[in-house]
Amino acid sequence: MMTLALNPSLALRVNDQLSVGMGLTAQYMNAAYQ
């Protein structure tokens, strides 16, 4: 089982003490079972 994730993100520095962020993930999975 192999996966590959592409994860772009954005971050906002609210002030000197606080930062927040969010990202989206596109994940490819390829699996083989025998």
Full PDB file with SEQRES, HELIX, SHEET, SSBOND, CRYST1, ORIGX, SCALE, CONECT and MASTER records, all heavy atoms in Angstrom:
SEQRES   1 A   34  MET MET THR LEU ALA LEU ASN PRO SER LEU ALA LEU ARG          
SEQRES   2 A   34  VAL ASN ASP GLN LEU SER VAL GLY MET GLY LEU THR ALA          
SEQRES   3 A   34  GLN TYR MET ASN ALA ALA TYR GLN                              
SHEET    1 AA1 2 MET A   2  LEU A   6  0                                        
SHEET    2 AA1 2 ALA A  26  ASN A  30 -1                                        
SHEET    1 AA2 2 SER A   9  ARG A  13  0                                        
SHEET    2 AA2 2 SER A  19  GLY A  23 -1                                        
CRYST1    1.000    1.000    1.000  90.00  90.00  90.00 P 1           1          
ORIGX1      1.000000  0.000000  0.000000        0.00000                         
ORIGX2      0.000000  1.000000  0.000000        0.00000                         
ORIGX3      0.000000  0.000000  1.000000        0.00000                         
SCALE1      1.000000  0.000000  0.000000        0.00000                         
SCALE2      0.000000  1.000000  0.000000        0.00000                         
SCALE3      0.000000  0.000000  1.000000        0.00000                         
ATOM      1  N   MET A   1       0.849  -1.180   0.000  1.00  0.00           N  
ATOM      2  CA  MET A   1       0.000   0.000   0.000  1.00  0.00           C  
ATOM      3  C   MET A   1       0.885   1.230   0.000  1.00  0.00           C  
ATOM      4  O   MET A   1       1.772   1.373   0.844  1.00  0.00           O  
ATOM      5  CB  MET A   1      -0.931   0.043   1.207  1.00  0.00           C  
ATOM      6  CG  MET A   1      -1.876   1.240   1.191  1.00  0.00           C  
ATOM      7  SD  MET A   1      -2.996   1.284   2.585  1.00  0.00           S  
ATOM      8  CE  MET A   1      -1.863   1.603   3.911  1.00  0.00           C  
ATOM      9  N   MET A   2       0.677   2.102  -0.970  1.00  0.00           N  
ATOM     10  CA  MET A   2       1.428   3.336  -1.081  1.00  0.00           C  
ATOM     11  C   MET A   2       0.460   4.502  -1.123  1.00  0.00           C  
ATOM     12  O   MET A   2      -0.574   4.442  -1.784  1.00  0.00           O  
ATOM     13  CB  MET A   2       2.291   3.322  -2.344  1.00  0.00           C  
ATOM     14  CG  MET A   2       3.176   4.557  -2.524  1.00  0.00           C  
ATOM     15  SD  MET A   2       2.354   5.922  -3.395  1.00  0.00           S  
ATOM     16  CE  MET A   2       2.343   5.298  -5.066  1.00  0.00           C  
ATOM     17  N   THR A   3       0.775   5.558  -0.393  1.00  0.00           N  
ATOM     18  CA  THR A   3       0.002   6.784  -0.480  1.00  0.00           C  
ATOM     19  C   THR A   3       0.932   7.951  -0.760  1.00  0.00           C  
ATOM     20  O   THR A   3       2.106   7.945  -0.374  1.00  0.00           O  
ATOM     21  CB  THR A   3      -0.789   7.080   0.806  1.00  0.00           C  
ATOM     22  OG1 THR A   3       0.129   7.204   1.896  1.00  0.00           O  
ATOM     23  CG2 THR A   3      -1.794   5.992   1.101  1.00  0.00           C  
ATOM     24  N   LEU A   4       0.409   8.966  -1.400  1.00  0.00           N  
ATOM     25  CA  LEU A   4       1.128  10.210  -1.639  1.00  0.00           C  
ATOM     26  C   LEU A   4       0.157  11.347  -1.388  1.00  0.00           C  
ATOM     27  O   LEU A   4      -0.939  11.381  -1.959  1.00  0.00           O  
ATOM     28  CB  LEU A   4       1.642  10.271  -3.079  1.00  0.00           C  
ATOM     29  CG  LEU A   4       2.342  11.568  -3.468  1.00  0.00           C  
ATOM     30  CD1 LEU A   4       3.650  11.708  -2.711  1.00  0.00           C  
ATOM     31  CD2 LEU A   4       2.593  11.628  -4.966  1.00  0.00           C  
ATOM     32  N   ALA A   5       0.536  12.287  -0.514  1.00  0.00           N  
ATOM     33  CA  ALA A   5      -0.346  13.391  -0.146  1.00  0.00           C  
ATOM     34  C   ALA A   5       0.225  14.713  -0.646  1.00  0.00           C  
ATOM     35  O   ALA A   5       1.417  14.987  -0.484  1.00  0.00           O  
ATOM     36  CB  ALA A   5      -0.533  13.444   1.361  1.00  0.00           C  
ATOM     37  N   LEU A   6      -0.641  15.527  -1.248  1.00  0.00           N  
ATOM     38  CA  LEU A   6      -0.327  16.904  -1.614  1.00  0.00           C  
ATOM     39  C   LEU A   6      -1.127  17.800  -0.680  1.00  0.00           C  
ATOM     40  O   LEU A   6      -2.365  17.732  -0.657  1.00  0.00           O  
ATOM     41  CB  LEU A   6      -0.707  17.175  -3.070  1.00  0.00           C  
ATOM     42  CG  LEU A   6      -0.148  16.215  -4.129  1.00  0.00           C  
ATOM     43  CD1 LEU A   6      -0.657  16.596  -5.511  1.00  0.00           C  
ATOM     44  CD2 LEU A   6       1.371  16.210  -4.104  1.00  0.00           C  
ATOM     45  N   ASN A   7      -0.429  18.645   0.098  1.00  0.00           N  
ATOM     46  CA  ASN A   7      -1.083  19.363   1.192  1.00  0.00           C  
ATOM     47  C   ASN A   7      -0.732  20.858   1.166  1.00  0.00           C  
ATOM     48  O   ASN A   7       0.161  21.312   1.873  1.00  0.00           O  
ATOM     49  CB  ASN A   7      -0.658  18.726   2.518  1.00  0.00           C  
ATOM     50  CG  ASN A   7      -1.411  19.239   3.736  1.00  0.00           C  
ATOM     51  OD1 ASN A   7      -1.047  18.888   4.846  1.00  0.00           O  
ATOM     52  ND2 ASN A   7      -2.432  20.050   3.565  1.00  0.00           N  
ATOM     53  N   PRO A   8      -1.429  21.664   0.330  1.00  0.00           N  
ATOM     54  CA  PRO A   8      -1.234  23.120   0.387  1.00  0.00           C  
ATOM     55  C   PRO A   8      -1.926  23.696   1.614  1.00  0.00           C  
ATOM     56  O   PRO A   8      -2.927  23.152   2.092  1.00  0.00           O  
ATOM     57  CB  PRO A   8      -1.890  23.608  -0.906  1.00  0.00           C  
ATOM     58  CG  PRO A   8      -2.927  22.578  -1.206  1.00  0.00           C  
ATOM     59  CD  PRO A   8      -2.378  21.261  -0.717  1.00  0.00           C  
ATOM     60  N   SER A   9      -1.395  24.816   2.129  1.00  0.00           N  
ATOM     61  CA  SER A   9      -1.954  25.385   3.358  1.00  0.00           C  
ATOM     62  C   SER A   9      -1.745  26.893   3.384  1.00  0.00           C  
ATOM     63  O   SER A   9      -0.895  27.448   2.686  1.00  0.00           O  
ATOM     64  CB  SER A   9      -1.308  24.751   4.595  1.00  0.00           C  
ATOM     65  OG  SER A   9       0.102  24.950   4.586  1.00  0.00           O  
ATOM     66  N   LEU A  10      -2.526  27.570   4.235  1.00  0.00           N  
ATOM     67  CA  LEU A  10      -2.395  28.991   4.505  1.00  0.00           C  
ATOM     68  C   LEU A  10      -2.343  29.209   6.009  1.00  0.00           C  
ATOM     69  O   LEU A  10      -3.007  28.484   6.777  1.00  0.00           O  
ATOM     70  CB  LEU A  10      -3.582  29.773   3.929  1.00  0.00           C  
ATOM     71  CG  LEU A  10      -3.635  29.954   2.408  1.00  0.00           C  
ATOM     72  CD1 LEU A  10      -4.957  30.605   2.010  1.00  0.00           C  
ATOM     73  CD2 LEU A  10      -2.456  30.799   1.914  1.00  0.00           C  
ATOM     74  N   ALA A  11      -1.544  30.194   6.432  1.00  0.00           N  
ATOM     75  CA  ALA A  11      -1.436  30.523   7.850  1.00  0.00           C  
ATOM     76  C   ALA A  11      -1.616  32.020   8.048  1.00  0.00           C  
ATOM     77  O   ALA A  11      -1.166  32.834   7.221  1.00  0.00           O  
ATOM     78  CB  ALA A  11      -0.088  30.081   8.403  1.00  0.00           C  
ATOM     79  N   LEU A  12      -2.269  32.386   9.127  1.00  0.00           N  
ATOM     80  CA  LEU A  12      -2.526  33.784   9.463  1.00  0.00           C  
ATOM     81  C   LEU A  12      -1.936  34.077  10.835  1.00  0.00           C  
ATOM     82  O   LEU A  12      -2.256  33.390  11.814  1.00  0.00           O  
ATOM     83  CB  LEU A  12      -4.032  34.053   9.482  1.00  0.00           C  
ATOM     84  CG  LEU A  12      -4.462  35.471   9.876  1.00  0.00           C  
ATOM     85  CD1 LEU A  12      -4.020  36.478   8.818  1.00  0.00           C  
ATOM     86  CD2 LEU A  12      -5.978  35.530  10.077  1.00  0.00           C  
ATOM     87  N   ARG A  13      -1.068  35.079  10.889  1.00  0.00           N  
ATOM     88  CA  ARG A  13      -0.502  35.501  12.165  1.00  0.00           C  
ATOM     89  C   ARG A  13      -1.440  36.552  12.754  1.00  0.00           C  
ATOM     90  O   ARG A  13      -1.449  37.722  12.322  1.00  0.00           O  
ATOM     91  CB  ARG A  13       0.898  36.062  11.973  1.00  0.00           C  
ATOM     92  CG  ARG A  13       1.624  36.292  13.278  1.00  0.00           C  
ATOM     93  CD  ARG A  13       3.114  36.107  13.108  1.00  0.00           C  
ATOM     94  NE  ARG A  13       3.790  36.096  14.384  1.00  0.00           N  
ATOM     95  CZ  ARG A  13       5.008  35.642  14.575  1.00  0.00           C  
ATOM     96  NH1 ARG A  13       5.677  35.124  13.553  1.00  0.00           N  
ATOM     97  NH2 ARG A  13       5.581  35.664  15.757  1.00  0.00           N  
ATOM     98  N   VAL A  14      -2.257  36.142  13.704  1.00  0.00           N  
ATOM     99  CA  VAL A  14      -3.275  37.028  14.275  1.00  0.00           C  
ATOM    100  C   VAL A  14      -2.624  38.156  15.058  1.00  0.00           C  
ATOM    101  O   VAL A  14      -2.985  39.336  14.930  1.00  0.00           O  
ATOM    102  CB  VAL A  14      -4.240  36.226  15.169  1.00  0.00           C  
ATOM    103  CG1 VAL A  14      -5.290  37.134  15.790  1.00  0.00           C  
ATOM    104  CG2 VAL A  14      -4.903  35.113  14.364  1.00  0.00           C  
ATOM    105  N   ASN A  15      -1.647  37.817  15.890  1.00  0.00           N  
ATOM    106  CA  ASN A  15      -0.857  38.796  16.641  1.00  0.00           C  
ATOM    107  C   ASN A  15       0.460  38.138  17.034  1.00  0.00           C  
ATOM    108  O   ASN A  15       0.769  37.035  16.546  1.00  0.00           O  
ATOM    109  CB  ASN A  15      -1.633  39.316  17.873  1.00  0.00           C  
ATOM    110  CG  ASN A  15      -2.143  38.178  18.757  1.00  0.00           C  
ATOM    111  OD1 ASN A  15      -1.419  37.235  19.041  1.00  0.00           O  
ATOM    112  ND2 ASN A  15      -3.407  38.286  19.175  1.00  0.00           N  
ATOM    113  N   ASP A  16       1.228  38.767  17.896  1.00  0.00           N  
ATOM    114  CA  ASP A  16       2.532  38.219  18.269  1.00  0.00           C  
ATOM    115  C   ASP A  16       2.421  36.901  19.016  1.00  0.00           C  
ATOM    116  O   ASP A  16       3.381  36.131  19.067  1.00  0.00           O  
ATOM    117  CB  ASP A  16       3.301  39.224  19.133  1.00  0.00           C  
ATOM    118  CG  ASP A  16       3.758  40.430  18.333  1.00  0.00           C  
ATOM    119  OD1 ASP A  16       3.790  40.317  17.090  1.00  0.00           O  
ATOM    120  OD2 ASP A  16       4.064  41.461  18.954  1.00  0.00           O  
ATOM    121  N   GLN A  17       1.265  36.626  19.615  1.00  0.00           N  
ATOM    122  CA  GLN A  17       1.108  35.401  20.399  1.00  0.00           C  
ATOM    123  C   GLN A  17       0.360  34.279  19.668  1.00  0.00           C  
ATOM    124  O   GLN A  17       0.539  33.107  19.993  1.00  0.00           O  
ATOM    125  CB  GLN A  17       0.352  35.704  21.713  1.00  0.00           C  
ATOM    126  CG  GLN A  17       1.147  36.475  22.748  1.00  0.00           C  
ATOM    127  CD  GLN A  17       1.228  37.943  22.413  1.00  0.00           C  
ATOM    128  OE1 GLN A  17       0.248  38.548  21.987  1.00  0.00           O  
ATOM    129  NE2 GLN A  17       2.403  38.537  22.614  1.00  0.00           N  
ATOM    130  N   LEU A  18      -0.465  34.616  18.698  1.00  0.00           N  
ATOM    131  CA  LEU A  18      -1.379  33.618  18.139  1.00  0.00           C  
ATOM    132  C   LEU A  18      -1.279  33.541  16.620  1.00  0.00           C  
ATOM    133  O   LEU A  18      -1.293  34.564  15.931  1.00  0.00           O  
ATOM    134  CB  LEU A  18      -2.822  33.975  18.538  1.00  0.00           C  
ATOM    135  CG  LEU A  18      -3.914  33.001  18.106  1.00  0.00           C  
ATOM    136  CD1 LEU A  18      -3.765  31.663  18.827  1.00  0.00           C  
ATOM    137  CD2 LEU A  18      -5.300  33.598  18.375  1.00  0.00           C  
ATOM    138  N   SER A  19      -1.194  32.295  16.108  1.00  0.00           N  
ATOM    139  CA  SER A  19      -1.235  32.037  14.670  1.00  0.00           C  
ATOM    140  C   SER A  19      -2.152  30.858  14.414  1.00  0.00           C  
ATOM    141  O   SER A  19      -2.204  29.906  15.198  1.00  0.00           O  
ATOM    142  CB  SER A  19       0.162  31.737  14.128  1.00  0.00           C  
ATOM    143  OG  SER A  19       1.015  32.844  14.272  1.00  0.00           O  
ATOM    144  N   VAL A  20      -2.877  30.921  13.290  1.00  0.00           N  
ATOM    145  CA  VAL A  20      -3.786  29.841  12.925  1.00  0.00           C  
ATOM    146  C   VAL A  20      -3.517  29.446  11.479  1.00  0.00           C  
ATOM    147  O   VAL A  20      -2.989  30.233  10.678  1.00  0.00           O  
ATOM    148  CB  VAL A  20      -5.266  30.250  13.096  1.00  0.00           C  
ATOM    149  CG1 VAL A  20      -5.596  30.531  14.548  1.00  0.00           C  
ATOM    150  CG2 VAL A  20      -5.587  31.465  12.226  1.00  0.00           C  
ATOM    151  N   GLY A  21      -3.873  28.217  11.142  1.00  0.00           N  
ATOM    152  CA  GLY A  21      -3.646  27.753   9.786  1.00  0.00           C  
ATOM    153  C   GLY A  21      -4.626  26.666   9.390  1.00  0.00           C  
ATOM    154  O   GLY A  21      -5.227  26.011  10.243  1.00  0.00           O  
ATOM    155  N   MET A  22      -4.778  26.505   8.085  1.00  0.00           N  
ATOM    156  CA  MET A  22      -5.595  25.409   7.577  1.00  0.00           C  
ATOM    157  C   MET A  22      -5.016  24.948   6.250  1.00  0.00           C  
ATOM    158  O   MET A  22      -4.370  25.702   5.527  1.00  0.00           O  
ATOM    159  CB  MET A  22      -7.057  25.816   7.408  1.00  0.00           C  
ATOM    160  CG  MET A  22      -7.346  26.752   6.266  1.00  0.00           C  
ATOM    161  SD  MET A  22      -9.129  26.889   5.927  1.00  0.00           S  
ATOM    162  CE  MET A  22      -9.487  25.200   5.409  1.00  0.00           C  
ATOM    163  N   GLY A  23      -5.250  23.666   5.940  1.00  0.00           N  
ATOM    164  CA  GLY A  23      -4.753  23.109   4.696  1.00  0.00           C  
ATOM    165  C   GLY A  23      -5.750  22.143   4.093  1.00  0.00           C  
ATOM    166  O   GLY A  23      -6.663  21.652   4.777  1.00  0.00           O  
ATOM    167  N   LEU A  24      -5.582  21.880   2.819  1.00  0.00           N  
ATOM    168  CA  LEU A  24      -6.372  20.885   2.108  1.00  0.00           C  
ATOM    169  C   LEU A  24      -5.436  19.766   1.656  1.00  0.00           C  
ATOM    170  O   LEU A  24      -4.288  20.025   1.289  1.00  0.00           O  
ATOM    171  CB  LEU A  24      -7.072  21.514   0.904  1.00  0.00           C  
ATOM    172  CG  LEU A  24      -8.047  22.645   1.203  1.00  0.00           C  
ATOM    173  CD1 LEU A  24      -8.575  23.246  -0.094  1.00  0.00           C  
ATOM    174  CD2 LEU A  24      -9.202  22.147   2.072  1.00  0.00           C  
ATOM    175  N   THR A  25      -5.935  18.545   1.658  1.00  0.00           N  
ATOM    176  CA  THR A  25      -5.113  17.394   1.304  1.00  0.00           C  
ATOM    177  C   THR A  25      -5.746  16.622   0.168  1.00  0.00           C  
ATOM    178  O   THR A  25      -6.923  16.247   0.237  1.00  0.00           O  
ATOM    179  CB  THR A  25      -4.935  16.451   2.510  1.00  0.00           C  
ATOM    180  OG1 THR A  25      -4.361  17.164   3.603  1.00  0.00           O  
ATOM    181  CG2 THR A  25      -4.021  15.282   2.146  1.00  0.00           C  
ATOM    182  N   ALA A  26      -4.962  16.382  -0.877  1.00  0.00           N  
ATOM    183  CA  ALA A  26      -5.341  15.459  -1.947  1.00  0.00           C  
ATOM    184  C   ALA A  26      -4.439  14.240  -1.803  1.00  0.00           C  
ATOM    185  O   ALA A  26      -3.217  14.352  -1.858  1.00  0.00           O  
ATOM    186  CB  ALA A  26      -5.160  16.106  -3.314  1.00  0.00           C  
ATOM    187  N   GLN A  27      -5.038  13.083  -1.581  1.00  0.00           N  
ATOM    188  CA  GLN A  27      -4.273  11.871  -1.261  1.00  0.00           C  
ATOM    189  C   GLN A  27      -4.509  10.777  -2.299  1.00  0.00           C  
ATOM    190  O   GLN A  27      -5.648  10.377  -2.539  1.00  0.00           O  
ATOM    191  CB  GLN A  27      -4.667  11.369   0.124  1.00  0.00           C  
ATOM    192  CG  GLN A  27      -3.922  10.118   0.582  1.00  0.00           C  
ATOM    193  CD  GLN A  27      -4.201   9.815   2.030  1.00  0.00           C  
ATOM    194  OE1 GLN A  27      -3.652  10.445   2.929  1.00  0.00           O  
ATOM    195  NE2 GLN A  27      -5.075   8.861   2.294  1.00  0.00           N  
ATOM    196  N   TYR A  28      -3.432  10.322  -2.882  1.00  0.00           N  
ATOM    197  CA  TYR A  28      -3.477   9.216  -3.842  1.00  0.00           C  
ATOM    198  C   TYR A  28      -3.094   7.928  -3.123  1.00  0.00           C  
ATOM    199  O   TYR A  28      -2.112   7.895  -2.372  1.00  0.00           O  
ATOM    200  CB  TYR A  28      -2.520   9.473  -4.995  1.00  0.00           C  
ATOM    201  CG  TYR A  28      -2.379   8.321  -5.957  1.00  0.00           C  
ATOM    202  CD1 TYR A  28      -3.379   8.031  -6.883  1.00  0.00           C  
ATOM    203  CD2 TYR A  28      -1.238   7.518  -5.934  1.00  0.00           C  
ATOM    204  CE1 TYR A  28      -3.247   6.974  -7.768  1.00  0.00           C  
ATOM    205  CE2 TYR A  28      -1.100   6.466  -6.824  1.00  0.00           C  
ATOM    206  CZ  TYR A  28      -2.101   6.184  -7.736  1.00  0.00           C  
ATOM    207  OH  TYR A  28      -1.969   5.139  -8.609  1.00  0.00           O  
ATOM    208  N   MET A  29      -3.868   6.884  -3.331  1.00  0.00           N  
ATOM    209  CA  MET A  29      -3.572   5.582  -2.725  1.00  0.00           C  
ATOM    210  C   MET A  29      -3.577   4.506  -3.799  1.00  0.00           C  
ATOM    211  O   MET A  29      -4.463   4.469  -4.649  1.00  0.00           O  
ATOM    212  CB  MET A  29      -4.588   5.242  -1.630  1.00  0.00           C  
ATOM    213  CG  MET A  29      -4.324   3.909  -0.937  1.00  0.00           C  
ATOM    214  SD  MET A  29      -5.510   3.533   0.410  1.00  0.00           S  
ATOM    215  CE  MET A  29      -4.993   4.729   1.647  1.00  0.00           C  
ATOM    216  N   ASN A  30      -2.579   3.647  -3.743  1.00  0.00           N  
ATOM    217  CA  ASN A  30      -2.450   2.522  -4.666  1.00  0.00           C  
ATOM    218  C   ASN A  30      -2.146   1.292  -3.823  1.00  0.00           C  
ATOM    219  O   ASN A  30      -1.193   1.292  -3.046  1.00  0.00           O  
ATOM    220  CB  ASN A  30      -1.317   2.799  -5.659  1.00  0.00           C  
ATOM    221  CG  ASN A  30      -1.280   1.798  -6.793  1.00  0.00           C  
ATOM    222  OD1 ASN A  30      -1.608   0.637  -6.612  1.00  0.00           O  
ATOM    223  ND2 ASN A  30      -0.859   2.244  -7.967  1.00  0.00           N  
ATOM    224  N   ALA A  31      -2.956   0.246  -3.945  1.00  0.00           N  
ATOM    225  CA  ALA A  31      -2.801  -0.921  -3.082  1.00  0.00           C  
ATOM    226  C   ALA A  31      -2.878  -2.203  -3.891  1.00  0.00           C  
ATOM    227  O   ALA A  31      -3.569  -2.280  -4.919  1.00  0.00           O  
ATOM    228  CB  ALA A  31      -3.883  -0.934  -1.995  1.00  0.00           C  
ATOM    229  N   ALA A  32      -2.147  -3.208  -3.422  1.00  0.00           N  
ATOM    230  CA  ALA A  32      -2.192  -4.538  -4.018  1.00  0.00           C  
ATOM    231  C   ALA A  32      -2.187  -5.564  -2.888  1.00  0.00           C  
ATOM    232  O   ALA A  32      -1.439  -5.424  -1.919  1.00  0.00           O  
ATOM    233  CB  ALA A  32      -1.002  -4.773  -4.942  1.00  0.00           C  
ATOM    234  N   TYR A  33      -3.036  -6.564  -3.015  1.00  0.00           N  
ATOM    235  CA  TYR A  33      -3.168  -7.605  -1.982  1.00  0.00           C  
ATOM    236  C   TYR A  33      -3.245  -8.959  -2.676  1.00  0.00           C  
ATOM    237  O   TYR A  33      -3.953  -9.116  -3.672  1.00  0.00           O  
ATOM    238  CB  TYR A  33      -4.436  -7.363  -1.161  1.00  0.00           C  
ATOM    239  CG  TYR A  33      -4.794  -8.472  -0.197  1.00  0.00           C  
ATOM    240  CD1 TYR A  33      -4.058  -8.671   0.965  1.00  0.00           C  
ATOM    241  CD2 TYR A  33      -5.870  -9.317  -0.454  1.00  0.00           C  
ATOM    242  CE1 TYR A  33      -4.391  -9.690   1.850  1.00  0.00           C  
ATOM    243  CE2 TYR A  33      -6.215 -10.333   0.422  1.00  0.00           C  
ATOM    244  CZ  TYR A  33      -5.472 -10.511   1.571  1.00  0.00           C  
ATOM    245  OH  TYR A  33      -5.782 -11.514   2.444  1.00  0.00           O  
ATOM    246  N   GLN A  34      -2.513  -9.927  -2.136  1.00  0.00           N  
ATOM    247  CA  GLN A  34      -2.553 -11.272  -2.705  1.00  0.00           C  
ATOM    248  C   GLN A  34      -2.568 -12.313  -1.604  1.00  0.00           C  
ATOM    249  O   GLN A  34      -1.896 -12.168  -0.585  1.00  0.00           O  
ATOM    250  CB  GLN A  34      -1.338 -11.507  -3.612  1.00  0.00           C  
ATOM    251  CG  GLN A  34      -1.307 -12.914  -4.232  1.00  0.00           C  
ATOM    252  CD  GLN A  34      -0.185 -13.078  -5.242  1.00  0.00           C  
ATOM    253  OE1 GLN A  34      -0.158 -12.387  -6.254  1.00  0.00           O  
ATOM    254  NE2 GLN A  34       0.746 -13.987  -4.959  1.00  0.00           N  
TER     255      GLN A  34                                                      
MASTER        0    0    0    0    4    0    0    6  254    1    0    3          
END                                                                             
